[in-house]
Amino acid sequence: MVTQTFFKLLTCIYLYCVLTDLSSKFLAHPHHTEVVEATIQAVREGHTRYTAVTGEAALRAAICKDLETRKGIKYTPEEIIVGNGAKQEVYQALLALCRPGDEVIIPAPYWPSYPEIVKLTGATPVILGTKAADGFLVDPEALSAAITPKTRMVSGRERRG
């Protein structure tokens, strides 16, 4: 059973990551004392083992609540997967869905490893250009023109702001 302290730790870490751009490998601000203290307490309580593959149930429930509060969208914990990073989750999804000969549309700008991840599945990355003047949003006509019978999926990205 997840203790209240450990649940607090997981929630703090999730919210900290939501508010922090970790893509640069450097934190944008110092560690929050609450996160550090909750981490220490969780280790003292013995929460040092692997979690379920999909993530702790309590954390997935907290993520559902947060998404509903912040974005007005509803998910159940069974629809949420917690991984150790977006690249891992993207790679696993691509492995499950793509086969050699498939195409994956990747809107630019993109994380440099995404085309390589697509190639590891045997699929072909198709880069879809976007414009700074348009806020790097995907143009529906350009997307429509990029879709072929080989298109298996379109890589998405969250718009921040």
N, C-alpha and C. Protein backbone atom coordinates (compact mmCIF):
# COMPACT_ATOMS: atom_id res chain seq x y z
N MET A 1 0.85 -1.19 0.00
CA MET A 1 0.00 0.00 0.00
C MET A 1 0.89 1.25 0.00
N VAL A 2 0.50 2.21 -0.77
CA VAL A 2 1.26 3.45 -0.86
C VAL A 2 0.91 4.32 0.34
N THR A 3 1.93 4.72 1.10
CA THR A 3 1.67 5.55 2.26
C THR A 3 1.38 6.98 1.83
N GLN A 4 0.83 7.74 2.75
CA GLN A 4 0.49 9.13 2.44
C GLN A 4 1.76 9.91 2.07
N THR A 5 2.86 9.64 2.76
CA THR A 5 4.11 10.35 2.47
C THR A 5 4.60 10.01 1.07
N PHE A 6 4.55 8.72 0.72
CA PHE A 6 5.01 8.31 -0.61
C PHE A 6 4.10 8.89 -1.69
N PHE A 7 2.79 8.89 -1.44
CA PHE A 7 1.84 9.48 -2.39
C PHE A 7 2.17 10.96 -2.56
N LYS A 8 2.46 11.64 -1.48
CA LYS A 8 2.83 13.06 -1.54
C LYS A 8 4.10 13.24 -2.38
N LEU A 9 5.07 12.34 -2.18
CA LEU A 9 6.30 12.39 -2.96
C LEU A 9 6.01 12.25 -4.45
N LEU A 10 5.23 11.25 -4.81
CA LEU A 10 4.93 11.03 -6.22
C LEU A 10 4.20 12.21 -6.82
N THR A 11 3.25 12.75 -6.08
CA THR A 11 2.50 13.91 -6.57
C THR A 11 3.42 15.11 -6.74
N CYS A 12 4.30 15.33 -5.77
CA CYS A 12 5.24 16.45 -5.86
C CYS A 12 6.17 16.30 -7.05
N ILE A 13 6.68 15.10 -7.25
CA ILE A 13 7.58 14.88 -8.38
C ILE A 13 6.85 15.10 -9.70
N TYR A 14 5.62 14.58 -9.80
CA TYR A 14 4.84 14.77 -11.03
C TYR A 14 4.62 16.26 -11.28
N LEU A 15 4.14 16.97 -10.29
CA LEU A 15 3.86 18.40 -10.48
C LEU A 15 5.14 19.17 -10.76
N TYR A 16 6.24 18.79 -10.11
CA TYR A 16 7.52 19.42 -10.35
C TYR A 16 7.94 19.24 -11.81
N CYS A 17 7.76 18.03 -12.33
CA CYS A 17 8.13 17.77 -13.72
C CYS A 17 7.21 18.48 -14.70
N VAL A 18 5.93 18.62 -14.35
CA VAL A 18 4.99 19.34 -15.21
C VAL A 18 5.41 20.80 -15.32
N LEU A 19 5.94 21.33 -14.23
CA LEU A 19 6.31 22.74 -14.19
C LEU A 19 7.76 23.00 -14.60
N THR A 20 8.51 21.94 -14.89
CA THR A 20 9.93 22.07 -15.19
C THR A 20 10.21 21.47 -16.56
N ASP A 21 10.92 22.20 -17.39
CA ASP A 21 11.33 21.68 -18.68
C ASP A 21 12.60 20.87 -18.46
N LEU A 22 12.48 19.54 -18.50
CA LEU A 22 13.62 18.68 -18.25
C LEU A 22 14.37 18.31 -19.52
N SER A 23 13.95 18.83 -20.66
CA SER A 23 14.56 18.43 -21.92
C SER A 23 16.00 18.89 -22.06
N SER A 24 16.39 19.92 -21.33
CA SER A 24 17.76 20.42 -21.44
C SER A 24 18.73 19.67 -20.54
N LYS A 25 18.25 18.73 -19.76
CA LYS A 25 19.02 17.94 -18.79
C LYS A 25 19.41 18.77 -17.57
N PHE A 26 18.98 19.99 -17.49
CA PHE A 26 19.25 20.83 -16.35
C PHE A 26 17.93 21.39 -15.82
N LEU A 27 17.81 21.43 -14.50
CA LEU A 27 16.59 21.98 -13.92
C LEU A 27 16.60 23.50 -14.05
N ALA A 28 15.43 24.05 -14.31
CA ALA A 28 15.31 25.49 -14.52
C ALA A 28 15.39 26.27 -13.20
N HIS A 29 15.20 25.57 -12.08
CA HIS A 29 15.22 26.22 -10.78
C HIS A 29 15.72 25.23 -9.74
N PRO A 30 16.08 25.70 -8.53
CA PRO A 30 16.61 24.80 -7.51
C PRO A 30 15.56 23.77 -7.08
N HIS A 31 16.03 22.70 -6.45
CA HIS A 31 15.12 21.67 -5.95
C HIS A 31 14.21 22.27 -4.88
N HIS A 32 12.95 21.85 -4.90
CA HIS A 32 12.02 22.27 -3.87
C HIS A 32 12.26 21.44 -2.62
N THR A 33 12.33 22.08 -1.47
CA THR A 33 12.58 21.40 -0.21
C THR A 33 11.55 20.29 0.02
N GLU A 34 10.30 20.54 -0.33
CA GLU A 34 9.24 19.56 -0.11
C GLU A 34 9.52 18.27 -0.89
N VAL A 35 10.01 18.38 -2.11
CA VAL A 35 10.33 17.20 -2.92
C VAL A 35 11.50 16.44 -2.30
N VAL A 36 12.54 17.16 -1.89
CA VAL A 36 13.71 16.53 -1.28
C VAL A 36 13.32 15.80 0.00
N GLU A 37 12.56 16.47 0.87
CA GLU A 37 12.15 15.87 2.14
C GLU A 37 11.25 14.66 1.92
N ALA A 38 10.33 14.75 0.98
CA ALA A 38 9.44 13.62 0.70
C ALA A 38 10.23 12.44 0.15
N THR A 39 11.26 12.72 -0.65
CA THR A 39 12.12 11.66 -1.18
C THR A 39 12.86 10.95 -0.05
N ILE A 40 13.42 11.72 0.84
CA ILE A 40 14.15 11.14 1.99
C ILE A 40 13.21 10.29 2.83
N GLN A 41 12.02 10.81 3.12
CA GLN A 41 11.05 10.07 3.92
C GLN A 41 10.63 8.77 3.23
N ALA A 42 10.41 8.82 1.93
CA ALA A 42 9.99 7.61 1.20
C ALA A 42 11.08 6.55 1.25
N VAL A 43 12.34 6.94 1.13
CA VAL A 43 13.44 5.98 1.22
C VAL A 43 13.50 5.39 2.62
N ARG A 44 13.33 6.23 3.64
CA ARG A 44 13.33 5.73 5.03
C ARG A 44 12.21 4.73 5.26
N GLU A 45 11.08 4.91 4.57
CA GLU A 45 9.94 4.00 4.73
C GLU A 45 10.07 2.75 3.87
N GLY A 46 11.17 2.64 3.13
CA GLY A 46 11.41 1.43 2.36
C GLY A 46 10.82 1.42 0.97
N HIS A 47 10.41 2.56 0.45
CA HIS A 47 9.85 2.62 -0.91
C HIS A 47 11.00 2.73 -1.92
N THR A 48 11.69 1.62 -2.07
CA THR A 48 12.88 1.60 -2.94
C THR A 48 12.81 0.51 -3.99
N ARG A 49 11.67 -0.09 -4.18
CA ARG A 49 11.51 -1.19 -5.13
C ARG A 49 10.90 -0.68 -6.43
N TYR A 50 11.00 -1.51 -7.46
CA TYR A 50 10.36 -1.18 -8.71
C TYR A 50 8.85 -1.06 -8.51
N THR A 51 8.24 -0.18 -9.28
CA THR A 51 6.79 -0.03 -9.25
C THR A 51 6.17 -0.90 -10.33
N ALA A 52 4.87 -0.87 -10.41
CA ALA A 52 4.18 -1.55 -11.50
C ALA A 52 4.68 -0.96 -12.82
N VAL A 53 4.65 -1.75 -13.87
CA VAL A 53 5.14 -1.29 -15.18
C VAL A 53 4.42 -0.04 -15.63
N THR A 54 3.15 0.08 -15.33
CA THR A 54 2.37 1.25 -15.76
C THR A 54 2.50 2.43 -14.79
N GLY A 55 3.19 2.24 -13.66
CA GLY A 55 3.34 3.29 -12.67
C GLY A 55 2.44 3.04 -11.46
N GLU A 56 2.75 3.68 -10.35
CA GLU A 56 1.96 3.54 -9.13
C GLU A 56 0.52 3.99 -9.37
N ALA A 57 -0.42 3.20 -8.88
CA ALA A 57 -1.84 3.52 -9.07
C ALA A 57 -2.19 4.89 -8.49
N ALA A 58 -1.64 5.20 -7.33
CA ALA A 58 -1.94 6.48 -6.69
C ALA A 58 -1.43 7.66 -7.54
N LEU A 59 -0.27 7.50 -8.13
CA LEU A 59 0.27 8.55 -9.00
C LEU A 59 -0.59 8.70 -10.25
N ARG A 60 -1.00 7.59 -10.84
CA ARG A 60 -1.84 7.67 -12.04
C ARG A 60 -3.17 8.35 -11.72
N ALA A 61 -3.72 8.09 -10.53
CA ALA A 61 -4.96 8.75 -10.11
C ALA A 61 -4.73 10.25 -9.93
N ALA A 62 -3.58 10.61 -9.35
CA ALA A 62 -3.25 12.03 -9.17
C ALA A 62 -3.08 12.74 -10.51
N ILE A 63 -2.50 12.05 -11.47
CA ILE A 63 -2.33 12.63 -12.81
C ILE A 63 -3.70 12.86 -13.45
N CYS A 64 -4.62 11.90 -13.29
CA CYS A 64 -5.98 12.07 -13.82
C CYS A 64 -6.63 13.31 -13.23
N LYS A 65 -6.51 13.46 -11.92
CA LYS A 65 -7.10 14.62 -11.25
C LYS A 65 -6.47 15.92 -11.75
N ASP A 66 -5.16 15.92 -11.89
CA ASP A 66 -4.45 17.11 -12.36
C ASP A 66 -4.87 17.47 -13.78
N LEU A 67 -4.96 16.48 -14.67
CA LEU A 67 -5.36 16.75 -16.05
C LEU A 67 -6.79 17.30 -16.13
N GLU A 68 -7.65 16.78 -15.29
CA GLU A 68 -9.02 17.28 -15.29
C GLU A 68 -9.07 18.72 -14.76
N THR A 69 -8.30 18.98 -13.70
CA THR A 69 -8.28 20.33 -13.11
C THR A 69 -7.65 21.35 -14.05
N ARG A 70 -6.48 21.02 -14.60
CA ARG A 70 -5.74 21.99 -15.41
C ARG A 70 -6.22 22.09 -16.84
N LYS A 71 -6.67 20.96 -17.42
CA LYS A 71 -6.98 20.96 -18.85
C LYS A 71 -8.43 20.60 -19.16
N GLY A 72 -9.19 20.21 -18.14
CA GLY A 72 -10.60 19.89 -18.37
C GLY A 72 -10.82 18.59 -19.13
N ILE A 73 -9.84 17.68 -19.08
CA ILE A 73 -10.00 16.40 -19.78
C ILE A 73 -10.00 15.27 -18.75
N LYS A 74 -10.84 14.27 -19.00
CA LYS A 74 -11.00 13.17 -18.05
C LYS A 74 -10.37 11.89 -18.58
N TYR A 75 -9.58 11.27 -17.73
CA TYR A 75 -9.01 9.95 -17.98
C TYR A 75 -9.20 9.11 -16.73
N THR A 76 -9.15 7.81 -16.89
CA THR A 76 -9.13 6.92 -15.74
C THR A 76 -7.68 6.51 -15.51
N PRO A 77 -7.34 6.08 -14.31
CA PRO A 77 -5.97 5.64 -14.06
C PRO A 77 -5.51 4.52 -15.01
N GLU A 78 -6.44 3.70 -15.47
CA GLU A 78 -6.10 2.62 -16.39
C GLU A 78 -5.67 3.15 -17.76
N GLU A 79 -6.01 4.39 -18.07
CA GLU A 79 -5.63 4.99 -19.35
C GLU A 79 -4.31 5.76 -19.28
N ILE A 80 -3.71 5.82 -18.10
CA ILE A 80 -2.48 6.57 -17.88
C ILE A 80 -1.32 5.59 -17.69
N ILE A 81 -0.20 5.89 -18.35
CA ILE A 81 1.02 5.12 -18.15
C ILE A 81 2.10 6.10 -17.71
N VAL A 82 2.79 5.76 -16.65
CA VAL A 82 3.89 6.59 -16.15
C VAL A 82 5.19 5.89 -16.52
N GLY A 83 6.04 6.59 -17.23
CA GLY A 83 7.32 6.03 -17.63
C GLY A 83 8.45 6.89 -17.13
N ASN A 84 9.67 6.50 -17.50
CA ASN A 84 10.81 7.28 -17.04
C ASN A 84 11.20 8.38 -18.01
N GLY A 85 10.34 8.68 -18.96
CA GLY A 85 10.58 9.79 -19.87
C GLY A 85 9.80 9.63 -21.16
N ALA A 86 9.58 10.72 -21.83
CA ALA A 86 8.77 10.70 -23.05
C ALA A 86 9.40 9.84 -24.14
N LYS A 87 10.72 9.87 -24.24
CA LYS A 87 11.36 9.08 -25.30
C LYS A 87 11.07 7.59 -25.12
N GLN A 88 11.11 7.10 -23.89
CA GLN A 88 10.81 5.70 -23.64
C GLN A 88 9.38 5.38 -24.09
N GLU A 89 8.44 6.22 -23.72
CA GLU A 89 7.04 5.97 -24.05
C GLU A 89 6.81 6.06 -25.56
N VAL A 90 7.43 7.03 -26.20
CA VAL A 90 7.31 7.17 -27.66
C VAL A 90 7.89 5.93 -28.34
N TYR A 91 9.05 5.49 -27.90
CA TYR A 91 9.69 4.32 -28.49
C TYR A 91 8.82 3.07 -28.33
N GLN A 92 8.27 2.88 -27.14
CA GLN A 92 7.43 1.71 -26.92
C GLN A 92 6.16 1.76 -27.78
N ALA A 93 5.57 2.93 -27.92
CA ALA A 93 4.38 3.05 -28.77
C ALA A 93 4.72 2.76 -30.23
N LEU A 94 5.85 3.30 -30.68
CA LEU A 94 6.26 3.05 -32.06
C LEU A 94 6.57 1.57 -32.31
N LEU A 95 7.22 0.93 -31.34
CA LEU A 95 7.51 -0.50 -31.48
C LEU A 95 6.22 -1.32 -31.59
N ALA A 96 5.20 -0.90 -30.86
CA ALA A 96 3.94 -1.63 -30.87
C ALA A 96 3.14 -1.38 -32.15
N LEU A 97 3.27 -0.18 -32.72
CA LEU A 97 2.39 0.20 -33.82
C LEU A 97 3.01 0.18 -35.21
N CYS A 98 4.32 0.32 -35.30
CA CYS A 98 4.96 0.49 -36.62
C CYS A 98 5.71 -0.75 -37.08
N ARG A 99 5.74 -0.91 -38.37
CA ARG A 99 6.45 -2.02 -39.02
C ARG A 99 7.31 -1.45 -40.16
N PRO A 100 8.28 -2.25 -40.63
CA PRO A 100 9.07 -1.79 -41.77
C PRO A 100 8.16 -1.41 -42.94
N GLY A 101 8.48 -0.29 -43.56
CA GLY A 101 7.67 0.21 -44.67
C GLY A 101 6.65 1.26 -44.26
N ASP A 102 6.31 1.32 -42.97
CA ASP A 102 5.38 2.35 -42.50
C ASP A 102 6.08 3.71 -42.49
N GLU A 103 5.29 4.77 -42.48
CA GLU A 103 5.82 6.12 -42.35
C GLU A 103 5.23 6.76 -41.11
N VAL A 104 6.06 7.57 -40.43
CA VAL A 104 5.63 8.32 -39.26
C VAL A 104 5.91 9.79 -39.53
N ILE A 105 4.88 10.60 -39.50
CA ILE A 105 5.03 12.03 -39.72
C ILE A 105 5.45 12.69 -38.42
N ILE A 106 6.54 13.47 -38.48
CA ILE A 106 7.07 14.15 -37.30
C ILE A 106 7.09 15.65 -37.58
N PRO A 107 6.24 16.43 -36.92
CA PRO A 107 6.27 17.88 -37.12
C PRO A 107 7.57 18.48 -36.58
N ALA A 108 8.15 19.40 -37.33
CA ALA A 108 9.33 20.13 -36.88
C ALA A 108 8.87 21.40 -36.16
N PRO A 109 9.58 21.87 -35.19
CA PRO A 109 10.78 21.28 -34.63
C PRO A 109 10.45 20.04 -33.79
N TYR A 110 11.42 19.15 -33.65
CA TYR A 110 11.23 17.90 -32.95
C TYR A 110 12.50 17.58 -32.17
N TRP A 111 12.37 16.68 -31.22
CA TRP A 111 13.53 16.24 -30.48
C TRP A 111 14.39 15.41 -31.43
N PRO A 112 15.70 15.65 -31.50
CA PRO A 112 16.55 15.00 -32.50
C PRO A 112 16.51 13.47 -32.52
N SER A 113 16.20 12.84 -31.42
CA SER A 113 16.20 11.38 -31.40
C SER A 113 14.92 10.78 -32.00
N TYR A 114 13.87 11.56 -32.18
CA TYR A 114 12.61 10.98 -32.67
C TYR A 114 12.74 10.32 -34.05
N PRO A 115 13.38 10.95 -35.03
CA PRO A 115 13.54 10.24 -36.31
C PRO A 115 14.34 8.94 -36.16
N GLU A 116 15.33 8.94 -35.30
CA GLU A 116 16.14 7.74 -35.09
C GLU A 116 15.32 6.65 -34.42
N ILE A 117 14.45 7.03 -33.51
CA ILE A 117 13.56 6.06 -32.86
C ILE A 117 12.65 5.43 -33.91
N VAL A 118 12.11 6.25 -34.81
CA VAL A 118 11.26 5.73 -35.88
C VAL A 118 12.04 4.73 -36.73
N LYS A 119 13.28 5.07 -37.07
CA LYS A 119 14.11 4.19 -37.90
C LYS A 119 14.38 2.85 -37.21
N LEU A 120 14.51 2.86 -35.86
CA LEU A 120 14.74 1.61 -35.13
C LEU A 120 13.59 0.62 -35.30
N THR A 121 12.41 1.11 -35.60
CA THR A 121 11.26 0.22 -35.81
C THR A 121 11.20 -0.31 -37.24
N GLY A 122 12.04 0.25 -38.11
CA GLY A 122 11.99 -0.10 -39.52
C GLY A 122 11.11 0.82 -40.33
N ALA A 123 10.43 1.73 -39.65
CA ALA A 123 9.58 2.70 -40.34
C ALA A 123 10.44 3.87 -40.84
N THR A 124 9.84 4.73 -41.62
CA THR A 124 10.53 5.87 -42.20
C THR A 124 9.98 7.17 -41.61
N PRO A 125 10.85 8.02 -41.05
CA PRO A 125 10.38 9.31 -40.56
C PRO A 125 10.11 10.27 -41.72
N VAL A 126 9.02 10.99 -41.65
CA VAL A 126 8.67 12.01 -42.64
C VAL A 126 8.56 13.33 -41.87
N ILE A 127 9.49 14.23 -42.10
CA ILE A 127 9.53 15.49 -41.36
C ILE A 127 8.56 16.48 -42.00
N LEU A 128 7.68 17.03 -41.19
CA LEU A 128 6.69 18.01 -41.64
C LEU A 128 7.11 19.38 -41.13
N GLY A 129 7.49 20.25 -42.04
CA GLY A 129 7.93 21.59 -41.66
C GLY A 129 6.80 22.43 -41.08
N THR A 130 7.15 23.28 -40.14
CA THR A 130 6.23 24.26 -39.58
C THR A 130 6.95 25.61 -39.60
N LYS A 131 6.21 26.68 -39.31
CA LYS A 131 6.79 28.03 -39.39
C LYS A 131 6.73 28.73 -38.04
N ALA A 132 7.81 29.43 -37.73
CA ALA A 132 7.85 30.21 -36.49
C ALA A 132 6.73 31.25 -36.48
N ALA A 133 6.46 31.84 -37.64
CA ALA A 133 5.42 32.87 -37.74
C ALA A 133 4.04 32.32 -37.37
N ASP A 134 3.87 31.00 -37.52
CA ASP A 134 2.59 30.36 -37.18
C ASP A 134 2.66 29.69 -35.81
N GLY A 135 3.68 30.00 -35.03
CA GLY A 135 3.83 29.39 -33.71
C GLY A 135 4.21 27.92 -33.79
N PHE A 136 4.79 27.52 -34.90
CA PHE A 136 5.18 26.13 -35.15
C PHE A 136 3.99 25.17 -35.11
N LEU A 137 2.81 25.69 -35.36
CA LEU A 137 1.63 24.84 -35.42
C LEU A 137 1.59 24.11 -36.77
N VAL A 138 1.03 22.91 -36.76
CA VAL A 138 0.92 22.13 -37.98
C VAL A 138 -0.18 22.72 -38.87
N ASP A 139 0.17 22.97 -40.12
CA ASP A 139 -0.80 23.44 -41.10
C ASP A 139 -1.63 22.25 -41.57
N PRO A 140 -2.95 22.29 -41.43
CA PRO A 140 -3.78 21.15 -41.83
C PRO A 140 -3.58 20.72 -43.28
N GLU A 141 -3.41 21.69 -44.19
CA GLU A 141 -3.22 21.33 -45.60
C GLU A 141 -1.88 20.63 -45.82
N ALA A 142 -0.84 21.10 -45.14
CA ALA A 142 0.47 20.47 -45.26
C ALA A 142 0.43 19.05 -44.68
N LEU A 143 -0.28 18.89 -43.59
CA LEU A 143 -0.42 17.56 -43.00
C LEU A 143 -1.18 16.63 -43.94
N SER A 144 -2.24 17.11 -44.50
CA SER A 144 -3.03 16.31 -45.44
C SER A 144 -2.18 15.87 -46.63
N ALA A 145 -1.35 16.78 -47.12
CA ALA A 145 -0.50 16.46 -48.27
C ALA A 145 0.60 15.45 -47.91
N ALA A 146 1.02 15.43 -46.64
CA ALA A 146 2.08 14.52 -46.22
C ALA A 146 1.58 13.09 -45.98
N ILE A 147 0.28 12.93 -45.77
CA ILE A 147 -0.28 11.61 -45.49
C ILE A 147 -0.36 10.79 -46.78
N THR A 148 0.19 9.57 -46.69
CA THR A 148 0.16 8.64 -47.82
C THR A 148 -0.44 7.32 -47.32
N PRO A 149 -0.66 6.38 -48.22
CA PRO A 149 -1.14 5.06 -47.77
C PRO A 149 -0.18 4.36 -46.80
N LYS A 150 1.09 4.78 -46.79
CA LYS A 150 2.06 4.17 -45.88
C LYS A 150 2.08 4.83 -44.50
N THR A 151 1.39 5.96 -44.35
CA THR A 151 1.41 6.68 -43.08
C THR A 151 0.73 5.83 -42.01
N ARG A 152 1.48 5.56 -40.96
CA ARG A 152 0.95 4.77 -39.86
C ARG A 152 0.51 5.66 -38.71
N MET A 153 1.25 6.75 -38.50
CA MET A 153 0.90 7.65 -37.41
C MET A 153 1.55 9.01 -37.59
N VAL A 154 1.04 9.96 -36.81
CA VAL A 154 1.60 11.31 -36.76
C VAL A 154 2.09 11.51 -35.34
N SER A 155 3.34 11.87 -35.21
CA SER A 155 3.91 12.14 -33.90
C SER A 155 3.33 13.44 -33.38
N GLY A 156 2.87 13.44 -32.16
CA GLY A 156 2.30 14.65 -31.57
C GLY A 156 3.27 15.32 -30.63
N ARG A 157 2.92 16.51 -30.24
CA ARG A 157 3.68 17.21 -29.22
C ARG A 157 2.73 18.14 -28.50
N GLU A 158 3.02 18.36 -27.24
CA GLU A 158 2.16 19.22 -26.43
C GLU A 158 2.54 20.67 -26.68
N ARG A 159 1.54 21.47 -26.86
CA ARG A 159 1.80 22.90 -26.99
C ARG A 159 1.87 23.50 -25.60
N ARG A 160 2.97 24.10 -25.30
CA ARG A 160 3.15 24.68 -23.97
C ARG A 160 2.63 26.10 -23.96
N GLY A 161 2.21 26.50 -22.80
CA GLY A 161 1.77 27.89 -22.67
C GLY A 161 0.45 28.00 -22.02
